[in-house]
Every structure is written in C-alpha cells, then in structure tokens.
Amino acid sequence: MKKIVSIAIVFLFLVSCSTVPITGRKQFSLVSDAQILPMAFQQYEGFLRENKVSTNVEMTNQIKSVGKRISGAVDRYMRANGMAAKADAYRWEFNLIDDKTINAWAMPGGKTVFYTGIMPIAKNEDGVAAIMGHEVAHAFARHGAERMSTGMLAQAGGLAVALATGNKSPQQRQMWMAAYGIGSQLGQLKFSRTHETEADKLGVVFMIMAGYKPEESVNVWIRMSQKAGAGKAPPEILSTHPSNQTRIKALTEWIPKAKVMAKKLNAQTLTN
C-alpha cells in the first residue's frame, strides 16, 4: 500500500506538469479550467453582492480602463500563440470595492478586484497598471489552480507519511508528521513567493505591452514599503510574499529585459 501511494504521487506529478507561457517555469496542476473557472465566477458574483462597490466614478473608470488595456494585451498574446480556446474561457471583469484595505486580487478566469485602500499606493495610472499587471498575471499563469493542486498533493504526502510510519511508536509517528507539516508549510510559503515573483515579472511585461511605464512598478513597492514602515514585516522565509526590498531590487533589474521581451511580443501579436 505504501509503495502504491508513493508511485501514485510520483505519477500524478509527472503527468500533471505544464509550462507557464513566457516565463517557461514548469508548474504542477491537477485542476482544469473547466473545473475551476465556474467556481471562481460564482464566488466573484457572491463577493460583489456582499461588498460595497465604489461609487467613485473617476477611480472606477481608471480601474476598468487600465484593466481593459492590460487584459487586451494578454488576450492578443494568447491568440497569437495558439491559446485562443484559453482566451475565450476568460471573463475579464474589473471592479473597485469601497474598503480601506490595501489590497487587490484576481481570481482564475480574470475576475479582478481593487480596494480603494490601495489607490494611494498606486497613486497614478501607471501605478494602477503595475498593480493590475501583477494581478492579471496571476490569472494568466493559473496560479490559483496550481495552489489548489499543490494543496491536494500535500494532503497525499501526509497520507504517505502516515502509512510509512504506521509500524512506529505513537511518539515517532507524531514526530514525523510534525516534521512533514513544518516542511510542507515552509514549502508552500516558498511556492507562494515564487508565484508573486513570477506575477511581478509577467505583470511588467504586460503593462509595457499595454503602453504603460514599467518604472512605476518600482515606485509602487517603494510607496508600499514606506506605508508598511521599517521592521514590521515577518522574515521573508515565513511570508507568502517576497519582501518589499527584494521586489524593488528584482523589478529594477528586470525592467530592461522586460522592455525587450514586450517589444518582441507586441511585434509577434501584430504579425499574427
């Protein structure tokens, strides 16, 4: 039984690997768009019913305008690279919620929310584009489906550890399960940081393709760092996100490469 579970886990990992377009990162996914998108769309509708949509016309129009331009760049890329069916499955929507929380997010399939609390951090249209590019990138790269899949794999791993230690004492079994739990949690945190870094990189490419200034992505994180204050964030290894300073440095180094890549991708979409 132990061997069967282990073999099954390895098999699932091997057959469920795909590649994130543009970055080329290998990702693990057990969940298809046909499974996850209807759930995401339903949850989004429920969220909008339960939360106050902003009545600020200027900010709302800015969110929708920027979202349309960036999602349009993503759509052009997908259709020029044999992903028309995937592009058709997306239902891009952009809403501003009246809430002081400094946050924005996108669900699988392109349903996106900004909170009014993040608008001072965005500060201007290019800043909105930097945040929008990042969130759209999460949807484009199917990070939600990947997180769900790794959670399923972690549960299977826990079962494998339980089976493998079945003949040991209760104390030893508890020790092994605790070790697995800590390792799994740290692994998930690192995995989340990988998603954030990937979304940062893809987001900059998308905002350039849409005609925005990528340098503002650095300024967004400078403002975020100033808002957070020094010494208030947890150590990066215990966080779901890279530190603000890590992101500022990485984005500064990435922007020249992203400009070259975005120019190439834009040319590609125009010739297809």
C-alpha atoms as a PDB file:
ATOM      1  CA  MET A   1       0.000   0.000   0.000  1.00  0.00           C
ATOM      2  CA  LYS A   2       2.839   2.398   0.895  1.00  0.00           C
ATOM      3  CA  LYS A   3       4.539   1.773  -2.445  1.00  0.00           C
ATOM      4  CA  ILE A   4       1.266   2.212  -4.322  1.00  0.00           C
ATOM      5  CA  VAL A   5       0.632   5.619  -2.702  1.00  0.00           C
ATOM      6  CA  SER A   6       4.210   6.756  -3.386  1.00  0.00           C
ATOM      7  CA  ILE A   7       4.060   5.616  -7.013  1.00  0.00           C
ATOM      8  CA  ALA A   8       0.683   7.310  -7.453  1.00  0.00           C
ATOM      9  CA  ILE A   9       2.049  10.617  -6.127  1.00  0.00           C
ATOM     10  CA  VAL A  10       5.065  10.474  -8.465  1.00  0.00           C
ATOM     11  CA  PHE A  11       2.817   9.557 -11.402  1.00  0.00           C
ATOM     12  CA  LEU A  12       0.451  12.444 -10.688  1.00  0.00           C
ATOM     13  CA  PHE A  13       3.374  14.859 -10.538  1.00  0.00           C
ATOM     14  CA  LEU A  14       4.822  13.645 -13.841  1.00  0.00           C
ATOM     15  CA  VAL A  15       1.587  13.648 -15.836  1.00  0.00           C
ATOM     16  CA  SER A  16       0.284  16.937 -14.407  1.00  0.00           C
ATOM     17  CA  CYS A  17       3.219  19.179 -15.294  1.00  0.00           C
ATOM     18  CA  SER A  18       2.779  22.036 -17.755  1.00  0.00           C
ATOM     19  CA  THR A  19       4.722  25.177 -18.612  1.00  0.00           C
ATOM     20  CA  VAL A  20       3.835  28.778 -17.790  1.00  0.00           C
ATOM     21  CA  PRO A  21       3.888  30.762 -21.045  1.00  0.00           C
ATOM     22  CA  ILE A  22       6.575  33.472 -21.360  1.00  0.00           C
ATOM     23  CA  THR A  23       8.480  32.543 -18.167  1.00  0.00           C
ATOM     24  CA  GLY A  24       8.845  28.866 -19.095  1.00  0.00           C
ATOM     25  CA  ARG A  25       8.501  27.729 -15.478  1.00  0.00           C
ATOM     26  CA  LYS A  26       7.257  24.182 -15.027  1.00  0.00           C
ATOM     27  CA  GLN A  27       4.067  24.062 -12.970  1.00  0.00           C
ATOM     28  CA  PHE A  28       2.005  21.306 -11.398  1.00  0.00           C
ATOM     29  CA  SER A  29      -1.734  21.309 -11.941  1.00  0.00           C
ATOM     30  CA  LEU A  30      -4.397  18.707 -11.237  1.00  0.00           C
ATOM     31  CA  VAL A  31      -7.254  21.152 -11.840  1.00  0.00           C
ATOM     32  CA  SER A  32      -8.530  22.115 -15.300  1.00  0.00           C
ATOM     33  CA  ASP A  33     -10.063  25.447 -16.301  1.00  0.00           C
ATOM     34  CA  ALA A  34     -13.356  23.643 -16.864  1.00  0.00           C
ATOM     35  CA  GLN A  35     -13.324  22.682 -13.182  1.00  0.00           C
ATOM     36  CA  ILE A  36     -12.079  25.860 -11.550  1.00  0.00           C
ATOM     37  CA  LEU A  37     -13.482  28.724 -13.646  1.00  0.00           C
ATOM     38  CA  PRO A  38     -17.217  28.167 -12.953  1.00  0.00           C
ATOM     39  CA  MET A  39     -16.439  28.071  -9.213  1.00  0.00           C
ATOM     40  CA  ALA A  40     -14.368  31.247  -9.473  1.00  0.00           C
ATOM     41  CA  PHE A  41     -17.040  33.133 -11.400  1.00  0.00           C
ATOM     42  CA  GLN A  42     -19.709  32.113  -8.878  1.00  0.00           C
ATOM     43  CA  GLN A  43     -17.548  33.151  -5.918  1.00  0.00           C
ATOM     44  CA  TYR A  44     -16.839  36.505  -7.556  1.00  0.00           C
ATOM     45  CA  GLU A  45     -20.536  37.243  -8.034  1.00  0.00           C
ATOM     46  CA  GLY A  46     -21.145  36.372  -4.393  1.00  0.00           C
ATOM     47  CA  PHE A  47     -18.299  38.653  -3.301  1.00  0.00           C
ATOM     48  CA  LEU A  48     -19.735  41.609  -5.227  1.00  0.00           C
ATOM     49  CA  ARG A  49     -23.161  41.065  -3.637  1.00  0.00           C
ATOM     50  CA  GLU A  50     -21.651  41.068  -0.154  1.00  0.00           C
ATOM     51  CA  ASN A  51     -19.282  44.037  -0.564  1.00  0.00           C
ATOM     52  CA  LYS A  52     -19.795  47.684  -1.446  1.00  0.00           C
ATOM     53  CA  VAL A  53     -18.762  48.602  -4.972  1.00  0.00           C
ATOM     54  CA  SER A  54     -17.199  52.082  -5.013  1.00  0.00           C
ATOM     55  CA  THR A  55     -19.269  54.993  -6.287  1.00  0.00           C
ATOM     56  CA  ASN A  56     -16.124  56.984  -7.127  1.00  0.00           C
ATOM     57  CA  VAL A  57     -16.621  57.323 -10.871  1.00  0.00           C
ATOM     58  CA  GLU A  58     -13.122  58.610 -11.662  1.00  0.00           C
ATOM     59  CA  MET A  59     -11.271  55.825  -9.841  1.00  0.00           C
ATOM     60  CA  THR A  60     -13.675  53.152 -11.080  1.00  0.00           C
ATOM     61  CA  ASN A  61     -13.261  54.259 -14.694  1.00  0.00           C
ATOM     62  CA  GLN A  62      -9.495  54.217 -14.271  1.00  0.00           C
ATOM     63  CA  ILE A  63      -9.564  50.661 -12.927  1.00  0.00           C
ATOM     64  CA  LYS A  64     -11.774  49.473 -15.762  1.00  0.00           C
ATOM     65  CA  SER A  65      -9.788  51.323 -18.446  1.00  0.00           C
ATOM     66  CA  VAL A  66      -6.412  50.024 -17.271  1.00  0.00           C
ATOM     67  CA  GLY A  67      -7.809  46.526 -16.815  1.00  0.00           C
ATOM     68  CA  LYS A  68      -9.191  46.529 -20.342  1.00  0.00           C
ATOM     69  CA  ARG A  69      -5.867  47.590 -21.855  1.00  0.00           C
ATOM     70  CA  ILE A  70      -3.767  45.075 -19.935  1.00  0.00           C
ATOM     71  CA  SER A  71      -6.158  42.158 -20.362  1.00  0.00           C
ATOM     72  CA  GLY A  72      -6.283  43.121 -24.042  1.00  0.00           C
ATOM     73  CA  ALA A  73      -2.512  42.710 -24.264  1.00  0.00           C
ATOM     74  CA  VAL A  74      -2.805  39.288 -22.621  1.00  0.00           C
ATOM     75  CA  ASP A  75      -5.622  38.316 -24.981  1.00  0.00           C
ATOM     76  CA  ARG A  76      -3.552  39.335 -28.040  1.00  0.00           C
ATOM     77  CA  TYR A  77      -0.620  37.292 -26.788  1.00  0.00           C
ATOM     78  CA  MET A  78      -2.724  34.180 -26.192  1.00  0.00           C
ATOM     79  CA  ARG A  79      -4.431  34.332 -29.581  1.00  0.00           C
ATOM     80  CA  ALA A  80      -1.105  34.841 -31.353  1.00  0.00           C
ATOM     81  CA  ASN A  81       0.351  31.794 -29.609  1.00  0.00           C
ATOM     82  CA  GLY A  82      -2.257  29.111 -30.178  1.00  0.00           C
ATOM     83  CA  MET A  83      -4.215  29.708 -26.970  1.00  0.00           C
ATOM     84  CA  ALA A  84      -7.466  31.029 -28.444  1.00  0.00           C
ATOM     85  CA  ALA A  85      -9.573  28.477 -26.538  1.00  0.00           C
ATOM     86  CA  LYS A  86      -7.973  29.549 -23.270  1.00  0.00           C
ATOM     87  CA  ALA A  87      -8.540  33.216 -24.155  1.00  0.00           C
ATOM     88  CA  ASP A  88     -12.214  32.502 -24.889  1.00  0.00           C
ATOM     89  CA  ALA A  89     -12.632  30.913 -21.443  1.00  0.00           C
ATOM     90  CA  TYR A  90     -11.601  34.096 -19.611  1.00  0.00           C
ATOM     91  CA  ARG A  91     -14.272  36.524 -18.418  1.00  0.00           C
ATOM     92  CA  TRP A  92     -12.307  39.655 -17.636  1.00  0.00           C
ATOM     93  CA  GLU A  93     -14.027  41.996 -15.186  1.00  0.00           C
ATOM     94  CA  PHE A  94     -12.612  44.811 -13.063  1.00  0.00           C
ATOM     95  CA  ASN A  95     -14.297  46.324 -10.021  1.00  0.00           C
ATOM     96  CA  LEU A  96     -13.322  48.783  -7.306  1.00  0.00           C
ATOM     97  CA  ILE A  97     -14.512  47.972  -3.778  1.00  0.00           C
ATOM     98  CA  ASP A  98     -15.040  50.694  -1.166  1.00  0.00           C
ATOM     99  CA  ASP A  99     -12.704  49.342   1.513  1.00  0.00           C
ATOM    100  CA  LYS A 100      -9.630  50.804   3.224  1.00  0.00           C
ATOM    101  CA  THR A 101      -7.748  47.503   2.938  1.00  0.00           C
ATOM    102  CA  ILE A 102      -4.536  47.882   0.919  1.00  0.00           C
ATOM    103  CA  ASN A 103      -5.143  45.029  -1.455  1.00  0.00           C
ATOM    104  CA  ALA A 104      -6.048  43.868  -4.955  1.00  0.00           C
ATOM    105  CA  TRP A 105      -6.576  40.374  -6.327  1.00  0.00           C
ATOM    106  CA  ALA A 106      -7.634  38.407  -9.371  1.00  0.00           C
ATOM    107  CA  MET A 107      -9.477  35.114  -9.482  1.00  0.00           C
ATOM    108  CA  PRO A 108      -8.936  32.354 -12.047  1.00  0.00           C
ATOM    109  CA  GLY A 109     -10.538  33.410 -15.297  1.00  0.00           C
ATOM    110  CA  GLY A 110      -9.824  37.129 -14.895  1.00  0.00           C
ATOM    111  CA  LYS A 111     -12.310  38.392 -12.308  1.00  0.00           C
ATOM    112  CA  THR A 112     -10.380  41.218 -10.613  1.00  0.00           C
ATOM    113  CA  VAL A 113     -10.888  43.458  -7.583  1.00  0.00           C
ATOM    114  CA  PHE A 114      -9.106  46.586  -6.383  1.00  0.00           C
ATOM    115  CA  TYR A 115      -9.823  48.065  -2.953  1.00  0.00           C
ATOM    116  CA  THR A 116      -9.949  51.845  -2.576  1.00  0.00           C
ATOM    117  CA  GLY A 117      -7.283  51.490   0.114  1.00  0.00           C
ATOM    118  CA  ILE A 118      -4.647  50.589  -2.464  1.00  0.00           C
ATOM    119  CA  MET A 119      -5.298  53.587  -4.706  1.00  0.00           C
ATOM    120  CA  PRO A 120      -2.966  55.973  -2.804  1.00  0.00           C
ATOM    121  CA  ILE A 121      -0.218  53.346  -3.210  1.00  0.00           C
ATOM    122  CA  ALA A 122      -0.941  53.162  -6.938  1.00  0.00           C
ATOM    123  CA  LYS A 123      -1.019  56.991  -6.983  1.00  0.00           C
ATOM    124  CA  ASN A 124      -1.334  57.365 -10.766  1.00  0.00           C
ATOM    125  CA  GLU A 125      -2.457  55.480 -13.873  1.00  0.00           C
ATOM    126  CA  ASP A 126       0.914  53.794 -14.381  1.00  0.00           C
ATOM    127  CA  GLY A 127       0.858  52.704 -10.745  1.00  0.00           C
ATOM    128  CA  VAL A 128      -2.607  51.204 -11.248  1.00  0.00           C
ATOM    129  CA  ALA A 129      -1.210  49.450 -14.337  1.00  0.00           C
ATOM    130  CA  ALA A 130       1.673  47.999 -12.302  1.00  0.00           C
ATOM    131  CA  ILE A 131      -0.711  46.503  -9.751  1.00  0.00           C
ATOM    132  CA  MET A 132      -3.183  45.458 -12.453  1.00  0.00           C
ATOM    133  CA  GLY A 133      -0.456  43.753 -14.474  1.00  0.00           C
ATOM    134  CA  HIS A 134       0.585  41.775 -11.421  1.00  0.00           C
ATOM    135  CA  GLU A 135      -2.958  40.604 -10.646  1.00  0.00           C
ATOM    136  CA  VAL A 136      -3.796  39.812 -14.271  1.00  0.00           C
ATOM    137  CA  ALA A 137      -0.569  37.802 -14.408  1.00  0.00           C
ATOM    138  CA  HIS A 138      -1.782  35.596 -11.546  1.00  0.00           C
ATOM    139  CA  ALA A 139      -4.874  34.734 -13.586  1.00  0.00           C
ATOM    140  CA  PHE A 140      -2.888  34.282 -16.807  1.00  0.00           C
ATOM    141  CA  ALA A 141      -0.377  31.925 -15.180  1.00  0.00           C
ATOM    142  CA  ARG A 142      -3.133  29.861 -13.499  1.00  0.00           C
ATOM    143  CA  HIS A 143      -1.609  30.325 -10.060  1.00  0.00           C
ATOM    144  CA  GLY A 144      -4.947  29.643  -8.346  1.00  0.00           C
ATOM    145  CA  ALA A 145      -5.269  26.221  -9.952  1.00  0.00           C
ATOM    146  CA  GLU A 146      -1.653  25.468  -9.120  1.00  0.00           C
ATOM    147  CA  ARG A 147      -2.117  26.382  -5.443  1.00  0.00           C
ATOM    148  CA  MET A 148      -5.177  24.148  -5.258  1.00  0.00           C
ATOM    149  CA  SER A 149      -3.228  21.310  -6.873  1.00  0.00           C
ATOM    150  CA  THR A 150      -0.251  21.572  -4.521  1.00  0.00           C
ATOM    151  CA  GLY A 151      -2.643  21.556  -1.574  1.00  0.00           C
ATOM    152  CA  MET A 152      -4.057  18.292  -2.869  1.00  0.00           C
ATOM    153  CA  LEU A 153      -0.533  16.923  -3.295  1.00  0.00           C
ATOM    154  CA  ALA A 154       0.386  17.973   0.259  1.00  0.00           C
ATOM    155  CA  GLN A 155      -2.602  16.026   1.591  1.00  0.00           C
ATOM    156  CA  ALA A 156      -1.490  12.966  -0.367  1.00  0.00           C
ATOM    157  CA  GLY A 157       2.014  13.390   1.024  1.00  0.00           C
ATOM    158  CA  GLY A 158       0.653  13.457   4.551  1.00  0.00           C
ATOM    159  CA  LEU A 159      -1.168  10.198   3.863  1.00  0.00           C
ATOM    160  CA  ALA A 160       2.053   8.656   2.558  1.00  0.00           C
ATOM    161  CA  VAL A 161       3.945   9.683   5.720  1.00  0.00           C
ATOM    162  CA  ALA A 162       1.169   8.261   7.909  1.00  0.00           C
ATOM    163  CA  LEU A 163       1.288   4.951   6.054  1.00  0.00           C
ATOM    164  CA  ALA A 164       5.090   4.801   6.064  1.00  0.00           C
ATOM    165  CA  THR A 165       5.254   5.314   9.841  1.00  0.00           C
ATOM    166  CA  GLY A 166       2.359   3.009  10.677  1.00  0.00           C
ATOM    167  CA  ASN A 167       4.628   0.454  12.412  1.00  0.00           C
ATOM    168  CA  LYS A 168       6.414   3.026  14.587  1.00  0.00           C
ATOM    169  CA  SER A 169       5.538   4.208  18.083  1.00  0.00           C
ATOM    170  CA  PRO A 170       2.936   6.974  18.543  1.00  0.00           C
ATOM    171  CA  GLN A 171       5.724   9.372  19.603  1.00  0.00           C
ATOM    172  CA  GLN A 172       7.773   8.647  16.475  1.00  0.00           C
ATOM    173  CA  ARG A 173       4.739   8.942  14.230  1.00  0.00           C
ATOM    174  CA  GLN A 174       3.887  12.297  15.800  1.00  0.00           C
ATOM    175  CA  MET A 175       7.470  13.482  15.295  1.00  0.00           C
ATOM    176  CA  TRP A 176       7.458  12.506  11.608  1.00  0.00           C
ATOM    177  CA  MET A 177       4.067  14.106  10.971  1.00  0.00           C
ATOM    178  CA  ALA A 178       5.164  17.308  12.720  1.00  0.00           C
ATOM    179  CA  ALA A 179       8.349  17.405  10.640  1.00  0.00           C
ATOM    180  CA  TYR A 180       6.330  16.853   7.474  1.00  0.00           C
ATOM    181  CA  GLY A 181       3.867  19.581   8.468  1.00  0.00           C
ATOM    182  CA  ILE A 182       6.606  22.157   9.078  1.00  0.00           C
ATOM    183  CA  GLY A 183       8.415  21.234   5.886  1.00  0.00           C
ATOM    184  CA  SER A 184       5.196  21.307   3.897  1.00  0.00           C
ATOM    185  CA  GLN A 185       4.220  24.708   5.297  1.00  0.00           C
ATOM    186  CA  LEU A 186       7.619  26.254   4.524  1.00  0.00           C
ATOM    187  CA  GLY A 187       7.469  24.690   1.065  1.00  0.00           C
ATOM    188  CA  GLN A 188       4.052  26.224   0.431  1.00  0.00           C
ATOM    189  CA  LEU A 189       5.296  29.629   1.572  1.00  0.00           C
ATOM    190  CA  LYS A 190       8.266  29.423  -0.795  1.00  0.00           C
ATOM    191  CA  PHE A 191       5.893  28.290  -3.540  1.00  0.00           C
ATOM    192  CA  SER A 192       3.688  31.330  -2.919  1.00  0.00           C
ATOM    193  CA  ARG A 193       6.714  33.638  -3.127  1.00  0.00           C
ATOM    194  CA  THR A 194       7.583  32.023  -6.463  1.00  0.00           C
ATOM    195  CA  HIS A 195       4.105  32.906  -7.717  1.00  0.00           C
ATOM    196  CA  GLU A 196       4.460  36.503  -6.539  1.00  0.00           C
ATOM    197  CA  THR A 197       7.837  36.913  -8.229  1.00  0.00           C
ATOM    198  CA  GLU A 198       6.521  35.388 -11.439  1.00  0.00           C
ATOM    199  CA  ALA A 199       3.467  37.672 -11.370  1.00  0.00           C
ATOM    200  CA  ASP A 200       5.745  40.675 -10.835  1.00  0.00           C
ATOM    201  CA  LYS A 201       7.776  39.764 -13.930  1.00  0.00           C
ATOM    202  CA  LEU A 202       4.820  38.917 -16.142  1.00  0.00           C
ATOM    203  CA  GLY A 203       2.940  41.972 -14.918  1.00  0.00           C
ATOM    204  CA  VAL A 204       5.720  44.312 -16.001  1.00  0.00           C
ATOM    205  CA  VAL A 205       5.777  42.715 -19.456  1.00  0.00           C
ATOM    206  CA  PHE A 206       2.009  43.081 -19.781  1.00  0.00           C
ATOM    207  CA  MET A 207       1.954  46.706 -18.638  1.00  0.00           C
ATOM    208  CA  ILE A 208       4.647  47.583 -21.188  1.00  0.00           C
ATOM    209  CA  MET A 209       2.712  45.771 -23.926  1.00  0.00           C
ATOM    210  CA  ALA A 210      -0.320  47.863 -22.949  1.00  0.00           C
ATOM    211  CA  GLY A 211       1.637  51.116 -23.232  1.00  0.00           C
ATOM    212  CA  TYR A 212       2.420  51.934 -19.600  1.00  0.00           C
ATOM    213  CA  LYS A 213       5.684  52.985 -17.943  1.00  0.00           C
ATOM    214  CA  PRO A 214       7.253  49.981 -16.154  1.00  0.00           C
ATOM    215  CA  GLU A 215       9.410  52.115 -13.847  1.00  0.00           C
ATOM    216  CA  GLU A 216       6.283  52.889 -11.846  1.00  0.00           C
ATOM    217  CA  SER A 217       6.182  49.254 -10.696  1.00  0.00           C
ATOM    218  CA  VAL A 218       9.302  50.006  -8.635  1.00  0.00           C
ATOM    219  CA  ASN A 219       7.763  53.185  -7.243  1.00  0.00           C
ATOM    220  CA  VAL A 220       4.648  51.261  -6.182  1.00  0.00           C
ATOM    221  CA  TRP A 221       6.752  49.000  -3.981  1.00  0.00           C
ATOM    222  CA  ILE A 222       8.736  51.933  -2.632  1.00  0.00           C
ATOM    223  CA  ARG A 223       5.450  53.517  -1.563  1.00  0.00           C
ATOM    224  CA  MET A 224       4.254  50.187  -0.176  1.00  0.00           C
ATOM    225  CA  SER A 225       7.458  49.892   1.851  1.00  0.00           C
ATOM    226  CA  GLN A 226       7.080  53.428   3.202  1.00  0.00           C
ATOM    227  CA  LYS A 227       3.476  52.709   4.178  1.00  0.00           C
ATOM    228  CA  ALA A 228       4.419  49.483   5.963  1.00  0.00           C
ATOM    229  CA  GLY A 229       7.245  51.063   7.945  1.00  0.00           C
ATOM    230  CA  ALA A 230      10.563  49.518   8.901  1.00  0.00           C
ATOM    231  CA  GLY A 231      10.809  46.251  10.801  1.00  0.00           C
ATOM    232  CA  LYS A 232       7.101  45.386  10.719  1.00  0.00           C
ATOM    233  CA  ALA A 233       7.167  42.606   8.131  1.00  0.00           C
ATOM    234  CA  PRO A 234       7.879  38.968   9.103  1.00  0.00           C
ATOM    235  CA  PRO A 235      11.094  37.317   7.894  1.00  0.00           C
ATOM    236  CA  GLU A 236      10.798  36.552   4.185  1.00  0.00           C
ATOM    237  CA  ILE A 237      11.117  32.798   4.733  1.00  0.00           C
ATOM    238  CA  LEU A 238       7.930  32.923   6.844  1.00  0.00           C
ATOM    239  CA  SER A 239       5.985  35.087   4.408  1.00  0.00           C
ATOM    240  CA  THR A 240       3.772  34.344   1.421  1.00  0.00           C
ATOM    241  CA  HIS A 241       5.324  37.313  -0.400  1.00  0.00           C
ATOM    242  CA  PRO A 242       8.888  38.433  -1.109  1.00  0.00           C
ATOM    243  CA  SER A 243       9.958  41.404   0.984  1.00  0.00           C
ATOM    244  CA  ASN A 244       9.360  44.883  -0.415  1.00  0.00           C
ATOM    245  CA  GLN A 245      13.118  45.439  -0.764  1.00  0.00           C
ATOM    246  CA  THR A 246      13.530  42.135  -2.612  1.00  0.00           C
ATOM    247  CA  ARG A 247      10.802  43.147  -5.038  1.00  0.00           C
ATOM    248  CA  ILE A 248      12.230  46.622  -5.593  1.00  0.00           C
ATOM    249  CA  LYS A 249      15.653  45.173  -6.420  1.00  0.00           C
ATOM    250  CA  ALA A 250      14.258  42.385  -8.624  1.00  0.00           C
ATOM    251  CA  LEU A 251      11.964  44.716 -10.578  1.00  0.00           C
ATOM    252  CA  THR A 252      14.731  47.269 -11.131  1.00  0.00           C
ATOM    253  CA  GLU A 253      16.907  44.532 -12.618  1.00  0.00           C
ATOM    254  CA  TRP A 254      14.045  43.018 -14.641  1.00  0.00           C
ATOM    255  CA  ILE A 255      12.658  46.131 -16.361  1.00  0.00           C
ATOM    256  CA  PRO A 256      15.358  46.426 -19.111  1.00  0.00           C
ATOM    257  CA  LYS A 257      14.821  42.749 -20.032  1.00  0.00           C
ATOM    258  CA  ALA A 258      11.041  43.152 -19.854  1.00  0.00           C
ATOM    259  CA  LYS A 259      11.162  46.053 -22.328  1.00  0.00           C
ATOM    260  CA  VAL A 260      12.971  43.886 -24.864  1.00  0.00           C
ATOM    261  CA  MET A 261      10.570  40.996 -24.295  1.00  0.00           C
ATOM    262  CA  ALA A 262       7.456  43.187 -24.502  1.00  0.00           C
ATOM    263  CA  LYS A 263       8.635  44.742 -27.772  1.00  0.00           C
ATOM    264  CA  LYS A 264       9.171  41.277 -29.226  1.00  0.00           C
ATOM    265  CA  LEU A 265       5.779  40.011 -28.033  1.00  0.00           C
ATOM    266  CA  ASN A 266       3.955  43.078 -29.311  1.00  0.00           C
ATOM    267  CA  ALA A 267       5.590  42.620 -32.723  1.00  0.00           C
ATOM    268  CA  GLN A 268       4.573  38.970 -32.659  1.00  0.00           C
ATOM    269  CA  THR A 269       0.926  39.766 -31.943  1.00  0.00           C
ATOM    270  CA  LEU A 270       0.810  42.290 -34.782  1.00  0.00           C
ATOM    271  CA  THR A 271       2.111  39.815 -37.352  1.00  0.00           C
ATOM    272  CA  ASN A 272      -0.312  37.005 -36.435  1.00  0.00           C
END
